[in-house]
Each structure stands twice: as structure tokens, then as C-alpha cells.
Amino acid sequence: MTGCFKQSEPWESLKDEEQELYFVNQFGASMMSSYYLWNKEIASGIESWHADSDPVAKVKEIRYKDASGNDIDKWSQMVDDYAGFQGTVTGNTKSSGLEYALYYASEDKKNVNLVVTYTYKGSPAEAAGLKRGDIIVAINDQPITVSNYQNLIESSLESGTPCKLSMRDGGTRQLTAKEMYLDPVHLHKIIEKDGRKIGYLHFTSYTLKAIPDLIQVFKEFTAVGISELVLDLRYNGGGYTRTAEVLASMIVPKKEVVAGSVFERDVYNDKLTESWGEEVIKFATSFNYEDEGRKMEVSTAGANPDISKLYVIMSYGTASASESTICGLLPYMDIELIGQRSRGKYCGGIIVDGPTFYGWVKDDISKKSYESAVSCTDNWGIYVMISRYADKDGNTPCMPNGFAPDLEIGDNPLDGYELGDVNETMLSVALNGLPSKARASKGIQSRPFDYSRHPEVCILTPRNIFDK
């Protein structure tokens, strides 16, 4: 690790801000050199990484690109607010609990509206009475525009200060973001159609905390004897691979769980493959993991309804662990993909903070260097793509541009129906096939922005490659 930078002076002689850069850059360069999936392809970029580099810009500069300079890896990043970034992954974060789509409000594409897609239970947004299809035209009396929407949302809607929302219908709503857990097991129900019992699950993020709730939902599905499942992942940008393993093991035919069939293979760079060996994940009924410092042990016994058909509702917001779930189940099941092409995030990553990294290499550096490194990198972190997920045969069918739908239909939060309503546009297609003609939107005719708001995070348990 200490060979990453050629420094003519010892770090002790550097000013405080220079020391911080030194240790942060050494942390970033070491992680990209050892863990990064495409470390060979970016070797020259790592070689040009210096102790005084801007670490955030450097990761963006050197992460894997195509011949034209376009990012193939759009996700690896360095952050100087590790706690905030980690909160978006665990589900514990400051939030209003409001999820929305951005739409152009007029043909000149200058103003935009926020159209509510759903709200989280127990959130300020739910308390304010906001529902799917509500249209927000201004925040704190400022019209929302292409140039100001990001700042308005961050500084007002998600800031924790009282916020006034002006609605398209002339009304207003007041809410204040708070620290809360955004429960991703958002909605589940049983739908009876033509003598069949069909389970419906709207799932928004693969958090570890969701695992017990998912097991309970599938026990309910099993108890009533569902034969088919609609898994709604249209807003699910990913999360922990352990959660994907548990979910897939409750969906796949029971015989594959009994047989211990392969759910997923993880492909690493040569250095990690040599150190870790081949990573093969199998369907199971018992799972161990650690969540926020607590050791968890769960069982999915009695939580596999042994369904014959899976429908997955997806969109561009469907990514990472969501796509790996589909990837791993496809060889074993009749799956119909409904909606729009998924993101195409076919790689998994780890999120590591500076102190954790320096703890891994503590024995390789002096005590004084370790203490300074921990202090200097206290709230720095890096999200590094370290693997490509593949099915049992080593194939990754969503690479590079995502899964294409079998039935193509767009999300329409303006159709007048709540999520889970059998008449809601995308669920209706899952249950009945494509309609003879598209249902007209109410109020807004322009296409939504093609922006993603959710980080796509597929986390693997860090292991110390420096162990002898």
C-alpha cells in the first residue's frame, strides 16, 4: 500500500489538509488497485494517481471507459460524506419519504413538475396527505425549473427544515424531512383472478433490515397458496446481495433449494480470484449476516410458495441487485418481464470507509501512520465495483444495456390508480397482457426526465486481501 505514492518528504511534514489528501488518496488508489473489477484496464490511471490529487475527481477520471471515453463504470465513486452515503444504502436517512418522477411541465422544457409515485409509511409525506399522482409545481413558492430542481430538492425538500409544496390543483402541503427508516417492503397483497391466487409485492430496496419482513410476506403467500407472483421492482435500484439471495431462495422452485442449485456466480479481477477463489452462491433456507453490528440468523423454512410463474415489473430504475435477482432466477423459472428496459448495472461493489480500510492494513504500517490515517479519513469512503454477477452458467444477460421487457409499457403515475390496484397501468399489463390501446395520461402529456435518483448499490462483505 505504501508504494502507491512516491513522496520525497514524510507525511508528518505536510500541513493538515495535505495530510488528509495524502491518506485519502492512498486509501482510494489502494482500493482501486486491489479490488476494482477493471484494475488491469485502468493501470495507467492508477499509476498517475498522486498524493495531492483530488480524490473525488480522480476516481471519476480513471474508472473504466469505452474507446470513446464514455463511462462503462458509472458507479464507482469517492465520497467525503460517508455517513450520508451509507444511509442511502441501509434505508436509514433523513427523508421526507416522498418518491416522485420528474416531468417537463411545458413544451419549452424549462419548468418541471414532481409527480408523486409513492410515499413511505409513517413518513412526513404520508402525514401531509401526498398520494401517487399528486403534482408539485413549486417548492417554498419557487417554481421548479430544469436549472434549480436539484438544489430545491436538496436544500428544502430533504433538508429537515419546514417545506411548503405548491400543488397543481392550487392547494399546498407542508412537510419536514426527518431521520427515518424507509421500509422497502412497501406493499403486498393477494390478487384472485380466474381461480388463481397471485401474490403482489412492491419492493423498493434490498436493505438487510428488510430480510425478516420479506420472509414474513412469503410465509403469508405460502399459507394462502399463491401459484404466481408479481414482483414489482420498478423503483428498486438495488442493495445488498444477501437480501437478493434470501428473496431468490423464496421465489425459485422448491426443488432447486433442496438441491442447493447455484443462484449466482461472482466474477472478480485476477488478484481477487487468486486470493478468494471462485464465489458461488447457492439457494438455501438458512442465512447468516451482520446488520448494523448485530449478528443475524434467519430461516426461510415455510416461506417458499413454490410458484409456477413470476412476473417482474421493471423500469430504468430497476438495477443492480434487482437485475441480479432476475439473472439468477431465469435459468430455473418461467419469468415474464413487464415495463421498460432495466438499467444494466451488472456489477456489484463494496462501500468502505477510510478507517475500516486502514484497520485492514494496520499491521503493515506504523502506529503513528495508522492513527493519523484514521483521523484524516474519518468521513471519507469509496464505492468500488469489484464483481460481475452471472447466472449458474456464467452468463450475464443484462450486460451491457439491461434486460429488455417481454411486454413494454411505461410507468404512469397519472393513471388515477394506486400501486397494487389491479387497474394500475403496469400491474394491469402483468395480469392481463397489453391493452388494446394506451390509456391517456391525465394532465401532463410530456415525457418524464430520464434521471435516476437512487444509488445502485450491490454490496458484498469486505474481506481482507492483505491477509497472508
Protein backbone atom coordinates (compact mmCIF):
# COMPACT_ATOMS: atom_id res chain seq x y z
CA MET A 1 0.00 0.00 0.00
CA THR A 2 2.70 2.47 0.98
CA GLY A 3 4.20 2.17 -2.51
CA CYS A 4 1.25 3.91 -4.13
CA PHE A 5 2.88 7.33 -3.96
CA LYS A 6 6.48 8.38 -4.27
CA GLN A 7 6.78 11.07 -1.63
CA SER A 8 10.05 12.98 -1.19
CA GLU A 9 9.04 14.13 2.33
CA PRO A 10 7.45 12.05 5.10
CA TRP A 11 3.76 12.79 5.61
CA GLU A 12 4.48 14.26 9.07
CA SER A 13 5.93 17.38 7.43
CA LEU A 14 2.73 18.07 5.47
CA LYS A 15 0.08 20.59 6.52
CA ASP A 16 -3.17 19.22 7.93
CA GLU A 17 -5.11 19.50 4.67
CA GLU A 18 -2.19 17.97 2.78
CA GLN A 19 -2.06 15.08 5.23
CA GLU A 20 -5.75 14.44 4.67
CA LEU A 21 -5.25 14.38 0.90
CA TYR A 22 -2.27 12.08 1.29
CA PHE A 23 -4.11 9.44 3.32
CA VAL A 24 -7.38 9.73 1.39
CA ASN A 25 -5.60 9.36 -1.95
CA GLN A 26 -3.56 6.43 -0.70
CA PHE A 27 -6.77 4.78 0.52
CA GLY A 28 -8.52 5.37 -2.83
CA ALA A 29 -5.60 4.28 -5.00
CA SER A 30 -5.06 1.12 -2.96
CA MET A 31 -8.73 0.13 -3.14
CA MET A 32 -8.89 0.67 -6.91
CA SER A 33 -5.62 -1.19 -7.44
CA SER A 34 -6.58 -4.23 -5.40
CA TYR A 35 -10.36 -4.54 -5.60
CA TYR A 36 -11.54 -2.85 -8.79
CA LEU A 37 -13.05 -5.23 -11.34
CA TRP A 38 -11.22 -3.49 -14.21
CA ASN A 39 -7.95 -2.80 -12.38
CA LYS A 40 -5.85 -4.00 -15.33
CA GLU A 41 -7.69 -1.77 -17.77
CA ILE A 42 -7.09 1.35 -15.64
CA ALA A 43 -3.50 0.52 -14.57
CA SER A 44 -2.11 3.68 -16.17
CA GLY A 45 -4.66 5.81 -14.32
CA ILE A 46 -3.70 4.28 -11.00
CA GLU A 47 -0.03 4.85 -11.84
CA SER A 48 -0.74 8.55 -12.43
CA TRP A 49 -2.55 8.92 -9.08
CA HIS A 50 -0.61 11.30 -6.83
CA ALA A 51 -0.76 12.16 -3.15
CA ASP A 52 -2.12 15.64 -3.86
CA SER A 53 -4.80 14.58 -6.38
CA ASP A 54 -8.46 15.50 -5.97
CA PRO A 55 -9.64 12.01 -4.91
CA VAL A 56 -13.28 12.51 -5.93
CA ALA A 57 -12.31 13.74 -9.39
CA LYS A 58 -9.58 11.13 -9.76
CA VAL A 59 -11.95 8.18 -9.37
CA LYS A 60 -14.30 9.66 -11.96
CA GLU A 61 -11.39 10.30 -14.28
CA ILE A 62 -9.88 6.82 -14.24
CA ARG A 63 -12.87 4.49 -13.82
CA TYR A 64 -13.37 2.15 -16.76
CA LYS A 65 -14.46 3.77 -20.04
CA ASP A 66 -15.02 2.65 -23.63
CA ALA A 67 -12.80 3.66 -26.54
CA SER A 68 -14.74 6.92 -26.95
CA GLY A 69 -14.25 7.91 -23.34
CA ASN A 70 -17.80 7.11 -22.22
CA ASP A 71 -18.16 5.58 -18.76
CA ILE A 72 -18.75 1.85 -18.74
CA ASP A 73 -18.49 2.02 -14.98
CA LYS A 74 -20.90 4.80 -13.97
CA TRP A 75 -20.97 3.94 -10.30
CA SER A 76 -17.55 3.76 -8.63
CA GLN A 77 -17.01 6.95 -6.65
CA MET A 78 -15.19 8.57 -3.76
CA VAL A 79 -17.32 10.43 -1.21
CA ASP A 80 -16.46 12.86 1.56
CA ASP A 81 -19.76 12.20 3.40
CA TYR A 82 -19.54 8.50 4.11
CA ALA A 83 -22.26 8.58 6.78
CA GLY A 84 -24.74 10.22 4.42
CA PHE A 85 -23.92 7.89 1.55
CA GLN A 86 -24.17 4.81 3.78
CA GLY A 87 -27.59 6.00 4.94
CA THR A 88 -28.94 5.79 1.40
CA VAL A 89 -27.93 2.11 1.33
CA THR A 90 -29.19 0.98 4.74
CA GLY A 91 -32.50 2.82 4.38
CA ASN A 92 -31.78 4.95 7.45
CA THR A 93 -31.56 8.51 6.25
CA LYS A 94 -33.04 11.99 6.53
CA SER A 95 -36.01 11.96 4.22
CA SER A 96 -39.50 13.27 3.63
CA GLY A 97 -40.49 9.79 2.48
CA LEU A 98 -41.63 11.22 -0.85
CA GLU A 99 -40.76 9.44 -4.09
CA TYR A 100 -41.50 11.09 -7.40
CA ALA A 101 -40.92 11.27 -11.13
CA LEU A 102 -39.68 14.44 -12.81
CA TYR A 103 -41.75 15.64 -15.74
CA TYR A 104 -41.37 18.56 -18.08
CA ALA A 105 -44.24 20.92 -17.39
CA SER A 106 -44.34 22.50 -20.85
CA GLU A 107 -43.10 22.02 -24.38
CA ASP A 108 -40.29 24.55 -23.91
CA LYS A 109 -38.79 22.16 -21.34
CA LYS A 110 -37.86 24.93 -18.92
CA ASN A 111 -40.12 24.14 -15.97
CA VAL A 112 -40.57 20.73 -14.39
CA ASN A 113 -43.13 19.21 -12.05
CA LEU A 114 -42.66 16.50 -9.44
CA VAL A 115 -45.28 13.78 -9.82
CA VAL A 116 -45.66 11.64 -6.72
CA THR A 117 -45.06 7.93 -7.42
CA TYR A 118 -45.50 6.72 -3.84
CA THR A 119 -44.82 7.69 -0.23
CA TYR A 120 -43.28 5.65 2.56
CA LYS A 121 -45.39 4.55 5.51
CA GLY A 122 -45.00 6.72 8.58
CA SER A 123 -43.24 9.44 6.60
CA PRO A 124 -43.80 13.21 6.62
CA ALA A 125 -45.06 12.89 3.03
CA GLU A 126 -47.72 10.39 4.04
CA ALA A 127 -48.71 12.56 7.01
CA ALA A 128 -49.05 15.54 4.65
CA GLY A 129 -51.58 13.56 2.61
CA LEU A 130 -49.47 13.23 -0.54
CA LYS A 131 -50.52 10.36 -2.82
CA ARG A 132 -49.48 8.80 -6.10
CA GLY A 133 -50.38 11.10 -8.97
CA ASP A 134 -50.24 14.37 -6.99
CA ILE A 135 -48.38 17.07 -8.94
CA ILE A 136 -45.98 19.50 -7.24
CA VAL A 137 -45.26 22.70 -9.19
CA ALA A 138 -43.28 24.79 -6.67
CA ILE A 139 -41.20 24.35 -3.53
CA ASN A 140 -41.23 27.16 -0.96
CA ASP A 141 -43.01 29.32 -3.56
CA GLN A 142 -40.22 28.85 -6.12
CA PRO A 143 -41.31 27.34 -9.45
CA ILE A 144 -39.32 24.18 -10.20
CA THR A 145 -37.09 24.55 -13.24
CA VAL A 146 -34.51 22.48 -15.09
CA SER A 147 -31.74 24.60 -13.57
CA ASN A 148 -32.91 24.70 -9.94
CA TYR A 149 -34.71 21.43 -9.22
CA GLN A 150 -31.69 19.64 -7.73
CA ASN A 151 -30.86 22.47 -5.37
CA LEU A 152 -34.52 22.98 -4.37
CA ILE A 153 -34.95 19.32 -3.54
CA GLU A 154 -31.71 19.05 -1.55
CA SER A 155 -31.93 22.38 0.26
CA SER A 156 -35.66 22.35 1.00
CA LEU A 157 -37.49 19.09 0.45
CA GLU A 158 -34.85 16.84 2.08
CA SER A 159 -33.13 19.33 4.39
CA GLY A 160 -35.07 18.83 7.61
CA THR A 161 -36.46 22.38 7.61
CA PRO A 162 -40.19 23.09 7.13
CA CYS A 163 -41.06 22.96 3.45
CA LYS A 164 -44.08 24.27 1.55
CA LEU A 165 -45.20 22.42 -1.58
CA SER A 166 -47.49 24.09 -4.10
CA MET A 167 -49.72 21.64 -5.94
CA ARG A 168 -51.08 21.70 -9.49
CA ASP A 169 -54.65 21.76 -8.11
CA GLY A 170 -53.96 25.04 -6.27
CA GLY A 171 -53.54 23.54 -2.83
CA THR A 172 -50.44 23.41 -0.64
CA ARG A 173 -48.79 20.80 1.59
CA GLN A 174 -46.39 21.32 4.47
CA LEU A 175 -43.77 18.76 5.48
CA THR A 176 -40.42 18.48 7.20
CA ALA A 177 -37.93 15.72 6.43
CA LYS A 178 -36.81 13.60 9.37
CA GLU A 179 -34.39 10.80 10.17
CA MET A 180 -36.26 7.61 9.40
CA TYR A 181 -36.05 4.10 8.03
CA LEU A 182 -37.55 3.88 4.56
CA ASP A 183 -39.22 0.47 4.74
CA PRO A 184 -38.71 -1.11 1.30
CA VAL A 185 -41.29 -3.87 1.79
CA HIS A 186 -43.75 -1.24 0.72
CA LEU A 187 -46.86 -3.19 -0.22
CA HIS A 188 -48.01 -6.78 -0.58
CA LYS A 189 -51.39 -8.33 -1.28
CA ILE A 190 -53.18 -11.35 -2.72
CA ILE A 191 -54.96 -10.97 -6.05
CA GLU A 192 -57.53 -13.58 -7.12
CA LYS A 193 -58.04 -13.88 -10.87
CA ASP A 194 -59.66 -16.67 -12.90
CA GLY A 195 -59.40 -19.07 -9.99
CA ARG A 196 -55.67 -18.30 -9.45
CA LYS A 197 -54.13 -16.76 -6.36
CA ILE A 198 -51.43 -14.28 -7.35
CA GLY A 199 -49.11 -12.60 -4.88
CA TYR A 200 -48.12 -8.97 -5.43
CA LEU A 201 -45.07 -7.39 -3.78
CA HIS A 202 -43.86 -3.83 -4.30
CA PHE A 203 -40.25 -3.85 -3.10
CA THR A 204 -38.10 -0.71 -3.27
CA SER A 205 -34.61 -1.51 -1.94
CA TYR A 206 -32.53 -4.55 -0.96
CA THR A 207 -31.74 -3.47 2.61
CA LEU A 208 -30.62 -6.02 5.18
CA LYS A 209 -33.30 -4.83 7.56
CA ALA A 210 -35.91 -5.90 5.00
CA ILE A 211 -34.99 -9.59 5.23
CA PRO A 212 -37.23 -10.59 8.19
CA ASP A 213 -40.18 -8.69 6.69
CA LEU A 214 -39.68 -10.36 3.31
CA ILE A 215 -39.69 -13.78 5.00
CA GLN A 216 -42.94 -12.93 6.77
CA VAL A 217 -44.54 -11.79 3.49
CA PHE A 218 -43.58 -15.03 1.77
CA LYS A 219 -44.89 -17.09 4.68
CA GLU A 220 -48.23 -15.35 4.12
CA PHE A 221 -48.02 -16.05 0.38
CA THR A 222 -47.26 -19.70 1.13
CA ALA A 223 -50.10 -20.02 3.66
CA VAL A 224 -52.73 -18.86 1.15
CA GLY A 225 -51.25 -20.97 -1.64
CA ILE A 226 -50.30 -18.47 -4.33
CA SER A 227 -49.30 -20.07 -7.63
CA GLU A 228 -47.91 -16.94 -9.31
CA LEU A 229 -46.10 -13.81 -8.15
CA VAL A 230 -45.87 -10.24 -9.42
CA LEU A 231 -42.61 -8.78 -8.14
CA ASP A 232 -42.72 -5.01 -8.62
CA LEU A 233 -39.14 -3.70 -8.86
CA ARG A 234 -39.82 -0.63 -10.98
CA TYR A 235 -38.25 1.73 -8.42
CA ASN A 236 -35.71 -0.67 -6.93
CA GLY A 237 -32.13 0.44 -7.57
CA GLY A 238 -30.53 -2.42 -5.67
CA GLY A 239 -28.89 -3.03 -2.30
CA TYR A 240 -27.30 -5.94 -0.51
CA THR A 241 -26.60 -9.20 -2.28
CA ARG A 242 -27.52 -11.14 0.86
CA THR A 243 -31.05 -9.78 0.58
CA ALA A 244 -31.17 -10.86 -3.07
CA GLU A 245 -30.08 -14.38 -2.06
CA VAL A 246 -32.85 -14.64 0.53
CA LEU A 247 -35.52 -13.28 -1.82
CA ALA A 248 -34.49 -15.52 -4.72
CA SER A 249 -34.47 -18.58 -2.46
CA MET A 250 -38.13 -17.93 -1.61
CA ILE A 251 -39.15 -17.48 -5.26
CA VAL A 252 -37.27 -20.27 -7.04
CA PRO A 253 -38.99 -23.70 -7.28
CA LYS A 254 -38.55 -25.63 -4.03
CA LYS A 255 -36.69 -28.46 -5.71
CA GLU A 256 -33.83 -26.09 -6.58
CA VAL A 257 -33.49 -25.04 -2.93
CA VAL A 258 -33.46 -28.68 -1.82
CA ALA A 259 -30.82 -29.44 -4.45
CA GLY A 260 -28.68 -26.46 -3.44
CA SER A 261 -28.63 -25.21 -7.01
CA VAL A 262 -26.45 -22.24 -7.96
CA PHE A 263 -28.16 -18.87 -7.75
CA GLU A 264 -25.25 -16.68 -8.75
CA ARG A 265 -21.58 -16.67 -9.66
CA ASP A 266 -19.44 -13.63 -8.91
CA VAL A 267 -16.59 -12.83 -11.30
CA TYR A 268 -13.67 -10.81 -9.85
CA ASN A 269 -10.39 -9.42 -11.13
CA ASP A 270 -7.42 -11.79 -11.27
CA LYS A 271 -5.99 -10.59 -7.95
CA LEU A 272 -9.19 -11.24 -6.01
CA THR A 273 -9.86 -14.51 -7.82
CA GLU A 274 -6.43 -15.76 -6.79
CA SER A 275 -6.99 -14.61 -3.20
CA TRP A 276 -10.64 -15.58 -2.71
CA GLY A 277 -11.20 -18.34 -5.23
CA GLU A 278 -14.46 -18.74 -7.14
CA GLU A 279 -17.51 -17.22 -5.47
CA VAL A 280 -20.60 -19.40 -5.93
CA ILE A 281 -23.86 -18.52 -4.18
CA LYS A 282 -26.47 -21.27 -3.81
CA PHE A 283 -30.15 -21.26 -2.97
CA ALA A 284 -30.66 -22.04 0.71
CA THR A 285 -33.04 -21.87 3.66
CA SER A 286 -30.60 -20.65 6.34
CA PHE A 287 -28.75 -17.35 6.17
CA ASN A 288 -26.28 -15.55 8.42
CA TYR A 289 -25.36 -11.89 8.08
CA GLU A 290 -24.47 -8.84 10.12
CA ASP A 291 -26.74 -5.80 10.17
CA GLU A 292 -25.59 -2.62 11.93
CA GLY A 293 -23.27 -4.59 14.19
CA ARG A 294 -25.80 -7.30 15.09
CA LYS A 295 -25.28 -10.89 14.03
CA MET A 296 -28.44 -12.16 12.37
CA GLU A 297 -29.51 -15.72 11.61
CA VAL A 298 -32.74 -16.31 9.70
CA SER A 299 -34.56 -19.24 8.12
CA THR A 300 -36.86 -19.23 5.10
CA ALA A 301 -38.43 -22.58 6.02
CA GLY A 302 -42.15 -22.38 5.22
CA ALA A 303 -41.63 -19.24 3.14
CA ASN A 304 -41.38 -20.67 -0.39
CA PRO A 305 -44.81 -20.91 -2.08
CA ASP A 306 -43.32 -22.96 -4.97
CA ILE A 307 -44.83 -20.73 -7.66
CA SER A 308 -45.13 -21.72 -11.31
CA LYS A 309 -44.85 -18.23 -12.84
CA LEU A 310 -43.06 -14.99 -11.97
CA TYR A 311 -43.90 -11.59 -13.41
CA VAL A 312 -41.34 -8.83 -12.83
CA ILE A 313 -42.36 -5.20 -13.28
CA MET A 314 -39.30 -3.14 -14.14
CA SER A 315 -38.10 0.21 -15.46
CA TYR A 316 -34.86 2.16 -15.88
CA GLY A 317 -34.96 2.46 -12.09
CA THR A 318 -34.55 -1.33 -11.79
CA ALA A 319 -30.85 -2.01 -11.24
CA SER A 320 -28.06 -3.93 -9.59
CA ALA A 321 -29.40 -6.43 -7.02
CA SER A 322 -32.80 -6.25 -8.74
CA GLU A 323 -31.19 -7.30 -12.01
CA SER A 324 -29.07 -9.96 -10.30
CA THR A 325 -32.25 -11.47 -8.84
CA ILE A 326 -33.73 -11.78 -12.32
CA CYS A 327 -30.42 -13.04 -13.72
CA GLY A 328 -30.12 -15.81 -11.14
CA LEU A 329 -33.74 -16.97 -11.43
CA LEU A 330 -34.06 -17.00 -15.23
CA PRO A 331 -32.50 -20.46 -15.79
CA TYR A 332 -35.00 -22.07 -13.40
CA MET A 333 -38.37 -20.37 -13.96
CA ASP A 334 -40.99 -19.08 -16.33
CA ILE A 335 -40.42 -15.33 -15.96
CA GLU A 336 -42.19 -12.54 -17.83
CA LEU A 337 -40.60 -9.09 -17.77
CA ILE A 338 -43.04 -6.20 -17.95
CA GLY A 339 -42.34 -2.49 -18.30
CA GLN A 340 -39.25 -0.75 -19.64
CA ARG A 341 -35.62 -1.77 -20.14
CA SER A 342 -33.76 -2.08 -16.84
CA ARG A 343 -30.62 -0.09 -16.01
CA GLY A 344 -27.92 -2.56 -16.95
CA LYS A 345 -25.91 -2.34 -13.73
CA TYR A 346 -24.41 -5.79 -13.97
CA CYS A 347 -21.67 -5.32 -11.40
CA GLY A 348 -21.55 -5.36 -7.64
CA GLY A 349 -19.50 -3.21 -5.33
CA ILE A 350 -18.33 -2.64 -1.80
CA ILE A 351 -18.61 0.55 0.20
CA VAL A 352 -15.63 1.05 2.50
CA ASP A 353 -14.77 3.99 4.76
CA GLY A 354 -11.23 5.15 5.36
CA PRO A 355 -10.87 3.97 8.97
CA THR A 356 -12.09 0.49 8.05
CA PHE A 357 -9.56 0.25 5.23
CA TYR A 358 -6.68 1.38 7.43
CA GLY A 359 -7.83 -1.13 10.04
CA TRP A 360 -7.36 -3.87 7.43
CA VAL A 361 -3.73 -2.82 6.87
CA LYS A 362 -2.97 -1.72 10.43
CA ASP A 363 -0.24 -4.30 10.87
CA ASP A 364 1.54 -3.15 7.69
CA ILE A 365 2.03 0.48 8.75
CA SER A 366 3.36 2.27 11.81
CA LYS A 367 1.12 3.04 14.77
CA LYS A 368 1.57 6.77 14.16
CA SER A 369 0.64 6.44 10.48
CA TYR A 370 -2.41 4.37 11.39
CA GLU A 371 -3.69 6.87 13.94
CA SER A 372 -3.20 9.80 11.57
CA ALA A 373 -4.77 7.91 8.67
CA VAL A 374 -7.90 7.07 10.70
CA SER A 375 -8.25 10.68 11.80
CA CYS A 376 -7.70 12.10 8.30
CA THR A 377 -10.14 9.73 6.55
CA ASP A 378 -12.83 9.72 9.25
CA ASN A 379 -15.79 10.52 6.98
CA TRP A 380 -14.31 9.54 3.62
CA GLY A 381 -15.48 6.48 1.76
CA ILE A 382 -15.24 4.75 -1.59
CA TYR A 383 -17.74 2.71 -3.55
CA VAL A 384 -15.81 0.32 -5.79
CA MET A 385 -17.18 -2.06 -8.41
CA ILE A 386 -15.49 -5.36 -7.63
CA SER A 387 -17.51 -8.07 -9.38
CA ARG A 388 -19.75 -9.02 -12.27
CA TYR A 389 -22.66 -11.21 -11.31
CA ALA A 390 -23.57 -14.15 -13.52
CA ASP A 391 -26.11 -16.98 -13.57
CA LYS A 392 -25.33 -20.64 -12.91
CA ASP A 393 -23.73 -20.97 -16.36
CA GLY A 394 -21.61 -17.81 -16.07
CA ASN A 395 -23.90 -15.69 -18.26
CA THR A 396 -24.96 -12.11 -17.51
CA PRO A 397 -27.95 -11.47 -19.81
CA CYS A 398 -28.47 -7.86 -18.67
CA MET A 399 -24.95 -6.86 -19.78
CA PRO A 400 -24.39 -4.21 -21.02
CA ASN A 401 -27.73 -2.47 -21.56
CA GLY A 402 -30.13 -4.07 -19.14
CA PHE A 403 -32.99 -6.52 -19.54
CA ALA A 404 -35.42 -5.85 -22.39
CA PRO A 405 -39.08 -6.30 -21.41
CA ASP A 406 -41.25 -9.04 -22.87
CA LEU A 407 -44.19 -6.65 -22.69
CA GLU A 408 -43.24 -2.98 -22.99
CA ILE A 409 -45.29 -0.44 -21.06
CA GLY A 410 -44.29 2.77 -19.29
CA ASP A 411 -44.96 3.70 -15.69
CA ASN A 412 -47.87 6.14 -15.46
CA PRO A 413 -48.34 7.68 -12.01
CA LEU A 414 -51.06 9.87 -13.53
CA ASP A 415 -53.37 7.00 -14.42
CA GLY A 416 -55.50 7.57 -11.32
CA TYR A 417 -54.66 4.29 -9.55
CA GLU A 418 -52.52 3.50 -6.53
CA LEU A 419 -49.77 0.91 -6.64
CA GLY A 420 -51.27 -2.54 -6.07
CA ASP A 421 -54.59 -1.62 -7.71
CA VAL A 422 -55.34 -4.19 -10.41
CA ASN A 423 -56.16 -1.30 -12.77
CA GLU A 424 -52.79 0.44 -12.29
CA THR A 425 -51.12 0.59 -15.69
CA MET A 426 -48.14 -1.71 -15.20
CA LEU A 427 -49.82 -4.20 -12.85
CA SER A 428 -52.77 -4.43 -15.23
CA VAL A 429 -50.41 -5.45 -18.03
CA ALA A 430 -48.83 -8.09 -15.80
CA LEU A 431 -52.26 -9.55 -15.06
CA ASN A 432 -53.92 -9.14 -18.45
CA GLY A 433 -51.28 -8.53 -21.12
CA LEU A 434 -51.01 -5.35 -23.17
CA PRO A 435 -54.20 -3.27 -23.55
CA SER A 436 -55.63 -2.73 -26.99
CA LYS A 437 -54.86 0.97 -26.75
CA ALA A 438 -52.80 3.05 -24.38
CA ARG A 439 -54.68 4.75 -21.57
CA ALA A 440 -54.34 8.54 -21.84
CA SER A 441 -52.45 10.34 -19.08
CA LYS A 442 -54.28 12.90 -17.02
CA GLY A 443 -52.92 16.44 -17.05
CA ILE A 444 -49.35 16.03 -18.27
CA GLN A 445 -48.57 14.71 -21.72
CA SER A 446 -44.82 15.29 -21.89
CA ARG A 447 -42.30 12.52 -21.25
CA PRO A 448 -40.59 12.26 -17.85
CA PHE A 449 -36.95 13.12 -17.28
CA ASP A 450 -34.58 10.23 -17.78
CA TYR A 451 -32.81 10.79 -14.48
CA SER A 452 -32.13 8.21 -11.79
CA ARG A 453 -32.46 9.33 -8.20
CA HIS A 454 -31.44 6.18 -6.39
CA PRO A 455 -27.91 4.95 -5.87
CA GLU A 456 -27.45 1.48 -7.30
CA VAL A 457 -25.62 -0.38 -4.59
CA CYS A 458 -24.89 -4.09 -4.55
CA ILE A 459 -22.72 -4.71 -1.52
CA LEU A 460 -20.53 -7.72 -0.87
CA THR A 461 -18.99 -8.45 2.51
CA PRO A 462 -15.48 -6.94 2.56
CA ARG A 463 -12.68 -9.41 3.09
CA ASN A 464 -9.07 -8.61 3.82
CA ILE A 465 -6.97 -9.45 0.77
CA PHE A 466 -3.87 -8.44 2.69
CA ASP A 467 -4.16 -11.49 4.97
CA LYS A 468 -1.30 -13.88 4.40
